[in-house]
Amino acid sequence: METAATPAPQTPPTWQTTVAKFAQADLKQSWWQVINTLVPYALCWVAMVYSLKVSYWLTLLLAIPAAGFMVRTFIIFHDCGHGSFFKTQRANDILGIITGILTFTPYYRWRHHHAVHHATAGNLDRRGTGDVYTMTVAEYRALPPFKKFLYQMMRQPLLMFTVGSTAIFLIAHRFAYKTTNKRERHSVYWTNVALLGIFILAALTIGWQAYLLIQLPILILGATVGVWLFYVQHQYEDVYWERTPNWSFEAAALQGSSFYKLPKLLQWFTGNIGFHHIHHLCPRIPNYKLESCHNDNPLFQQVEPLTLLGSLRSLSLRLWNEDKRSLVSFESDITFVDFR
């Protein structure tokens, strides 16, 4: 009597095979995201113009959802920079330039810096481009007193997420560096020209004062949220850092990029960027597929989620301790004000 053959055990899918299934744009979802982001953002702007005649407090209240849509616009810009939002590079570049203007960010220069970030995240020997600069304890201790003070100020949350975040989008993005190539420099110049054109048009229609009263609160709130998201994605206690010989792309993604588990509304406004471990494994996955990819492979679900409340602990972390292999605060390893 014949017996049925025992089926061979299925091999768990590798992360490469999983991400490959999701690394392609869906044009319907892409265009729907453009519509449900840019149209409400424009409507918020119009509502804020009319609210100036009622109460500036109402204007500031409307700035909150407007900033949320600005953050969501930046996520679209971000995907275009990775070539993941549309199927063709030309379409990604065109929308990237447009959304870059709306978010005060030169597309080609940002795209280059962000590509460097993806190639070097978690590598102690390749810090300094497209990241939140982090010193080791030994490096900090070797600094002269004034440079220690400057680093302390740079890592001070109240400054980092207010003045610092706004200055990045409003000031730093306005300048081109000599080390950048021609296309990146022109990206800065033409973005500045476009922003100047928007300002002049606004001055001739609603008035320059009204423009600033509307745009500045949106930019400040949006920049604060954006810089916080970027910060918390790679700044938490048991994050991954290694020297070049031991650095691993996979470990940098799964251990050095957070799974930031946000409430659904915030997850929507931030374009699923909390699934940052998936994004670093495969930047070609559009933001609207990141959650599905995460749910498709048990390996990804083994990454410990970082909650909104738990992420606040990262505000006190300043330095990488190579012996403990963790981010630490000034107080845990050294005196905060150390001018010896």
Protein backbone atom coordinates (compact mmCIF):
# COMPACT_ATOMS: atom_id res chain seq x y z
CA MET A 1 0.00 0.00 0.00
CA GLU A 2 1.42 3.31 -1.08
CA THR A 3 1.69 6.13 1.41
CA ALA A 4 1.59 9.80 0.58
CA ALA A 5 5.00 11.36 0.40
CA THR A 6 5.83 13.69 3.27
CA PRO A 7 5.96 17.20 1.87
CA ALA A 8 9.36 18.82 2.09
CA PRO A 9 9.56 21.56 4.71
CA GLN A 10 9.20 25.00 3.19
CA THR A 11 12.22 27.24 3.40
CA PRO A 12 11.40 30.56 5.08
CA PRO A 13 11.60 33.40 2.58
CA THR A 14 14.77 35.43 2.75
CA TRP A 15 14.50 39.16 3.24
CA GLN A 16 15.80 39.64 -0.31
CA THR A 17 12.95 37.63 -1.84
CA THR A 18 10.40 39.39 0.36
CA VAL A 19 11.44 42.94 -0.43
CA ALA A 20 11.71 42.14 -4.14
CA LYS A 21 7.94 41.50 -4.21
CA PHE A 22 7.20 45.01 -2.98
CA ALA A 23 9.95 47.02 -4.71
CA GLN A 24 7.80 48.38 -7.50
CA ALA A 25 5.57 51.42 -7.73
CA ASP A 26 1.82 51.09 -8.12
CA LEU A 27 0.77 54.09 -10.21
CA LYS A 28 -2.79 54.16 -8.87
CA GLN A 29 -1.56 54.28 -5.29
CA SER A 30 1.13 56.81 -6.16
CA TRP A 31 -1.27 59.22 -7.84
CA TRP A 32 -3.85 58.77 -5.10
CA GLN A 33 -1.20 59.70 -2.56
CA VAL A 34 -0.33 62.82 -4.56
CA ILE A 35 -4.02 63.80 -4.57
CA ASN A 36 -4.75 63.03 -0.91
CA THR A 37 -1.64 64.95 0.15
CA LEU A 38 -1.21 68.00 -2.07
CA VAL A 39 -4.91 68.85 -2.45
CA PRO A 40 -5.58 68.95 1.34
CA TYR A 41 -2.31 70.86 1.82
CA ALA A 42 -3.49 73.49 -0.68
CA LEU A 43 -6.92 73.64 1.00
CA CYS A 44 -5.28 74.16 4.39
CA TRP A 45 -3.27 77.01 2.89
CA VAL A 46 -6.41 78.66 1.46
CA ALA A 47 -8.24 78.24 4.77
CA MET A 48 -5.31 79.85 6.60
CA VAL A 49 -5.44 82.85 4.26
CA TYR A 50 -9.10 83.45 5.12
CA SER A 51 -8.54 82.70 8.81
CA LEU A 52 -6.25 85.72 9.08
CA LYS A 53 -9.38 87.87 8.86
CA VAL A 54 -10.92 85.98 11.79
CA SER A 55 -8.16 85.23 14.30
CA TYR A 56 -4.47 84.43 14.08
CA TRP A 57 -5.05 81.77 16.73
CA LEU A 58 -7.28 80.01 14.20
CA THR A 59 -4.49 80.37 11.64
CA LEU A 60 -2.04 78.72 14.01
CA LEU A 61 -4.53 75.94 14.72
CA LEU A 62 -4.87 75.26 10.99
CA ALA A 63 -1.06 75.21 10.74
CA ILE A 64 -1.05 71.87 12.59
CA PRO A 65 -2.81 69.81 9.88
CA ALA A 66 -1.05 71.87 7.21
CA ALA A 67 2.31 70.89 8.72
CA GLY A 68 1.16 67.27 8.73
CA PHE A 69 0.49 67.45 5.00
CA MET A 70 3.84 69.16 4.49
CA VAL A 71 5.54 66.21 6.23
CA ARG A 72 3.56 63.83 4.00
CA THR A 73 4.66 65.87 0.97
CA PHE A 74 8.26 65.40 2.09
CA ILE A 75 7.72 61.62 2.22
CA ILE A 76 6.65 61.72 -1.44
CA PHE A 77 9.73 63.84 -2.19
CA HIS A 78 11.83 61.31 -0.29
CA ASP A 79 10.45 58.38 -2.32
CA CYS A 80 11.10 60.26 -5.56
CA GLY A 81 14.70 60.69 -4.45
CA HIS A 82 14.98 56.91 -4.16
CA GLY A 83 13.32 56.41 -7.54
CA SER A 84 10.55 54.40 -5.89
CA PHE A 85 7.43 56.56 -6.22
CA PHE A 86 6.94 56.26 -9.99
CA LYS A 87 8.19 53.67 -12.45
CA THR A 88 10.40 56.02 -14.47
CA GLN A 89 13.29 58.11 -13.22
CA ARG A 90 12.06 61.15 -15.19
CA ALA A 91 8.66 61.08 -13.47
CA ASN A 92 10.33 60.71 -10.07
CA ASP A 93 12.66 63.62 -10.80
CA ILE A 94 9.87 65.96 -11.96
CA LEU A 95 7.67 65.30 -8.94
CA GLY A 96 10.74 65.35 -6.69
CA ILE A 97 11.67 68.84 -7.88
CA ILE A 98 8.10 70.11 -7.37
CA THR A 99 7.69 68.60 -3.89
CA GLY A 100 11.21 69.76 -3.06
CA ILE A 101 10.15 73.36 -3.71
CA LEU A 102 7.06 72.86 -1.53
CA THR A 103 9.27 71.55 1.29
CA PHE A 104 12.12 74.08 0.80
CA THR A 105 14.58 71.34 -0.17
CA PRO A 106 16.78 71.22 -3.30
CA TYR A 107 16.03 67.85 -4.86
CA TYR A 108 19.29 66.75 -6.47
CA ARG A 109 21.56 67.87 -3.66
CA TRP A 110 19.36 66.22 -1.03
CA ARG A 111 19.14 63.05 -3.12
CA HIS A 112 22.93 62.71 -3.19
CA HIS A 113 23.36 63.33 0.54
CA HIS A 114 20.59 60.89 1.38
CA ALA A 115 22.10 58.20 -0.84
CA VAL A 116 25.35 58.59 1.11
CA HIS A 117 23.36 58.22 4.33
CA HIS A 118 21.89 54.92 3.15
CA ALA A 119 25.33 53.64 2.15
CA THR A 120 26.98 54.58 5.45
CA ALA A 121 24.30 54.38 8.18
CA GLY A 122 25.74 52.71 11.28
CA ASN A 123 29.34 52.96 10.02
CA LEU A 124 31.49 54.76 12.61
CA ASP A 125 34.22 55.42 10.06
CA ARG A 126 31.91 57.10 7.55
CA ARG A 127 29.92 59.58 9.62
CA GLY A 128 29.16 63.16 8.65
CA THR A 129 27.04 63.16 5.47
CA GLY A 130 23.27 63.06 5.58
CA ASP A 131 23.13 61.95 9.22
CA VAL A 132 22.78 63.29 12.76
CA TYR A 133 26.44 63.60 13.67
CA THR A 134 27.28 61.48 16.69
CA MET A 135 30.60 61.38 18.51
CA THR A 136 32.05 58.52 20.49
CA VAL A 137 32.85 59.00 24.17
CA ALA A 138 36.58 58.89 23.42
CA GLU A 139 36.27 61.51 20.67
CA TYR A 140 34.30 63.80 22.94
CA ARG A 141 36.76 63.50 25.79
CA ALA A 142 39.61 64.47 23.45
CA LEU A 143 37.94 67.74 22.43
CA PRO A 144 39.07 71.13 23.77
CA PRO A 145 36.52 72.80 26.09
CA PHE A 146 34.95 75.14 23.52
CA LYS A 147 34.33 72.33 21.00
CA LYS A 148 32.78 70.25 23.79
CA PHE A 149 30.42 73.13 24.44
CA LEU A 150 29.52 73.40 20.74
CA TYR A 151 28.76 69.68 20.56
CA GLN A 152 26.64 69.93 23.69
CA MET A 153 24.63 72.76 22.11
CA MET A 154 24.26 70.87 18.82
CA ARG A 155 22.82 67.89 20.69
CA GLN A 156 20.57 69.97 22.95
CA PRO A 157 16.98 68.90 22.10
CA LEU A 158 15.37 72.30 22.62
CA LEU A 159 17.74 73.81 20.07
CA MET A 160 17.93 70.81 17.74
CA PHE A 161 14.18 70.51 17.23
CA THR A 162 13.32 74.22 17.07
CA VAL A 163 16.02 76.59 15.85
CA GLY A 164 18.16 73.82 14.37
CA SER A 165 15.43 72.03 12.43
CA THR A 166 14.00 75.27 11.01
CA ALA A 167 17.46 76.55 10.09
CA ILE A 168 18.13 73.40 8.05
CA PHE A 169 15.13 73.95 5.77
CA LEU A 170 15.04 77.74 5.78
CA ILE A 171 18.77 78.58 5.66
CA ALA A 172 21.11 75.60 5.13
CA HIS A 173 19.23 74.38 2.05
CA ARG A 174 19.67 77.80 0.41
CA PHE A 175 23.42 77.39 -0.05
CA ALA A 176 25.39 75.26 -2.50
CA TYR A 177 28.79 73.94 -1.51
CA LYS A 178 31.79 73.94 -3.81
CA THR A 179 32.24 70.21 -3.26
CA THR A 180 28.87 69.42 -4.89
CA ASN A 181 28.60 68.80 -8.61
CA LYS A 182 27.02 71.13 -11.15
CA ARG A 183 23.56 69.54 -11.13
CA GLU A 184 23.37 69.62 -7.33
CA ARG A 185 24.44 73.28 -7.23
CA HIS A 186 21.88 74.19 -9.88
CA SER A 187 19.28 72.30 -7.87
CA VAL A 188 19.94 74.69 -4.99
CA TYR A 189 19.89 77.78 -7.24
CA TRP A 190 16.68 76.91 -9.07
CA THR A 191 14.91 75.91 -5.87
CA ASN A 192 15.83 79.32 -4.45
CA VAL A 193 14.56 81.05 -7.60
CA ALA A 194 11.27 79.12 -7.39
CA LEU A 195 10.83 80.00 -3.72
CA LEU A 196 11.56 83.66 -4.48
CA GLY A 197 8.96 83.53 -7.26
CA ILE A 198 6.38 82.08 -4.85
CA PHE A 199 7.19 84.81 -2.33
CA ILE A 200 6.80 87.57 -4.94
CA LEU A 201 3.52 86.08 -6.19
CA ALA A 202 2.23 85.87 -2.62
CA ALA A 203 3.33 89.46 -1.94
CA LEU A 204 1.37 90.67 -4.97
CA THR A 205 -1.78 88.72 -4.03
CA ILE A 206 -2.20 88.16 -0.29
CA GLY A 207 0.70 90.33 0.90
CA TRP A 208 4.16 89.31 2.08
CA GLN A 209 3.17 89.65 5.74
CA ALA A 210 0.29 87.21 5.27
CA TYR A 211 2.58 84.78 3.46
CA LEU A 212 5.10 84.78 6.31
CA LEU A 213 2.37 84.52 8.97
CA ILE A 214 1.10 81.39 7.22
CA GLN A 215 4.21 79.71 5.85
CA LEU A 216 6.54 80.13 8.81
CA PRO A 217 4.36 78.26 11.37
CA ILE A 218 3.84 75.45 8.85
CA LEU A 219 7.55 75.25 8.13
CA ILE A 220 8.58 75.37 11.79
CA LEU A 221 6.14 72.61 12.79
CA GLY A 222 6.87 70.50 9.72
CA ALA A 223 10.64 70.84 10.12
CA THR A 224 10.45 69.93 13.80
CA VAL A 225 8.49 66.75 13.07
CA GLY A 226 10.69 65.89 10.09
CA VAL A 227 13.97 66.28 11.96
CA TRP A 228 12.57 64.36 14.93
CA LEU A 229 11.59 61.45 12.67
CA PHE A 230 15.02 61.39 11.06
CA TYR A 231 16.67 61.62 14.49
CA VAL A 232 14.73 58.83 16.19
CA GLN A 233 15.21 56.46 13.26
CA HIS A 234 18.90 56.07 14.12
CA GLN A 235 19.27 57.45 17.64
CA TYR A 236 18.20 55.03 20.34
CA GLU A 237 20.00 53.16 23.10
CA ASP A 238 20.73 49.80 21.45
CA VAL A 239 21.23 51.15 17.94
CA TYR A 240 23.86 49.61 15.64
CA TRP A 241 27.29 51.18 15.04
CA GLU A 242 30.38 49.37 13.77
CA ARG A 243 33.77 50.16 12.32
CA THR A 244 34.18 49.51 8.59
CA PRO A 245 35.72 45.99 8.78
CA ASN A 246 32.79 44.67 10.82
CA TRP A 247 30.02 46.80 9.32
CA SER A 248 27.06 44.90 7.84
CA PHE A 249 24.40 46.35 5.53
CA GLU A 250 21.74 43.96 6.86
CA ALA A 251 22.58 44.63 10.51
CA ALA A 252 22.63 48.38 9.89
CA ALA A 253 19.07 48.11 8.56
CA LEU A 254 17.53 45.64 11.01
CA GLN A 255 19.42 46.76 14.13
CA GLY A 256 20.42 50.32 13.27
CA SER A 257 17.12 51.59 11.86
CA SER A 258 14.11 51.76 14.13
CA PHE A 259 10.68 50.22 13.72
CA TYR A 260 8.89 53.31 15.01
CA LYS A 261 5.39 52.10 15.85
CA LEU A 262 3.15 55.16 15.69
CA PRO A 263 -0.61 55.58 16.15
CA LYS A 264 -2.40 55.04 12.84
CA LEU A 265 -3.13 58.73 12.20
CA LEU A 266 0.52 59.69 12.73
CA GLN A 267 1.61 56.70 10.68
CA TRP A 268 -0.53 57.98 7.81
CA PHE A 269 0.78 61.55 8.00
CA THR A 270 4.38 60.30 8.17
CA GLY A 271 3.93 57.98 5.20
CA ASN A 272 4.83 54.73 7.01
CA ILE A 273 8.39 55.98 7.49
CA GLY A 274 8.31 54.34 10.93
CA PHE A 275 8.96 51.05 9.11
CA HIS A 276 12.46 52.38 8.68
CA HIS A 277 14.16 49.01 9.02
CA ILE A 278 12.33 47.89 5.88
CA HIS A 279 13.14 51.13 4.09
CA HIS A 280 16.87 50.71 4.75
CA LEU A 281 16.81 47.13 3.54
CA CYS A 282 15.23 48.23 0.28
CA PRO A 283 14.78 51.96 -0.50
CA ARG A 284 13.03 51.01 -3.75
CA ILE A 285 9.88 50.04 -1.85
CA PRO A 286 7.37 52.93 -2.04
CA ASN A 287 6.17 54.16 1.32
CA TYR A 288 2.64 52.81 0.85
CA LYS A 289 3.98 49.22 0.64
CA LEU A 290 6.31 49.28 3.65
CA GLU A 291 3.77 47.98 6.16
CA SER A 292 2.71 45.12 3.89
CA CYS A 293 6.33 44.14 3.41
CA HIS A 294 6.90 44.22 7.17
CA ASN A 295 3.91 41.93 7.72
CA ASP A 296 5.00 39.50 5.00
CA ASN A 297 8.16 38.15 6.67
CA PRO A 298 8.53 37.04 10.32
CA LEU A 299 12.16 38.19 10.26
CA PHE A 300 11.06 41.82 10.08
CA GLN A 301 8.58 41.36 12.90
CA GLN A 302 11.39 40.25 15.22
CA VAL A 303 12.63 43.85 15.27
CA GLU A 304 11.62 45.34 18.62
CA PRO A 305 9.22 48.24 17.99
CA LEU A 306 10.04 51.68 19.32
CA THR A 307 6.90 53.30 20.75
CA LEU A 308 6.08 56.99 20.77
CA LEU A 309 6.53 57.14 24.54
CA GLY A 310 9.65 54.98 24.53
CA SER A 311 11.27 57.09 21.82
CA LEU A 312 11.42 60.09 24.17
CA ARG A 313 14.27 58.39 26.02
CA SER A 314 16.48 59.00 23.00
CA LEU A 315 16.40 62.73 23.78
CA SER A 316 18.94 62.18 26.54
CA LEU A 317 21.36 60.12 24.42
CA ARG A 318 24.35 62.00 23.03
CA LEU A 319 27.42 59.77 22.55
CA TRP A 320 28.32 56.30 21.32
CA ASN A 321 30.12 54.19 23.91
CA GLU A 322 32.22 51.70 21.97
CA ASP A 323 32.85 49.56 25.05
CA LYS A 324 29.20 49.28 26.06
CA ARG A 325 28.06 49.29 22.42
CA SER A 326 25.23 51.68 23.13
CA LEU A 327 24.28 55.32 22.96
CA VAL A 328 24.71 57.05 26.30
CA SER A 329 23.93 60.41 27.82
CA PHE A 330 26.55 62.92 28.88
CA GLU A 331 25.69 62.27 32.52
CA SER A 332 26.13 58.49 32.33
CA ASP A 333 29.71 58.62 31.12
CA ILE A 334 31.02 62.14 31.64
CA THR A 335 30.16 65.38 33.31
CA PHE A 336 27.86 67.45 31.07
CA VAL A 337 29.93 70.62 31.43
CA ASP A 338 33.49 69.39 31.25
CA PHE A 339 35.87 72.29 30.66
CA ARG A 340 39.06 70.73 31.96
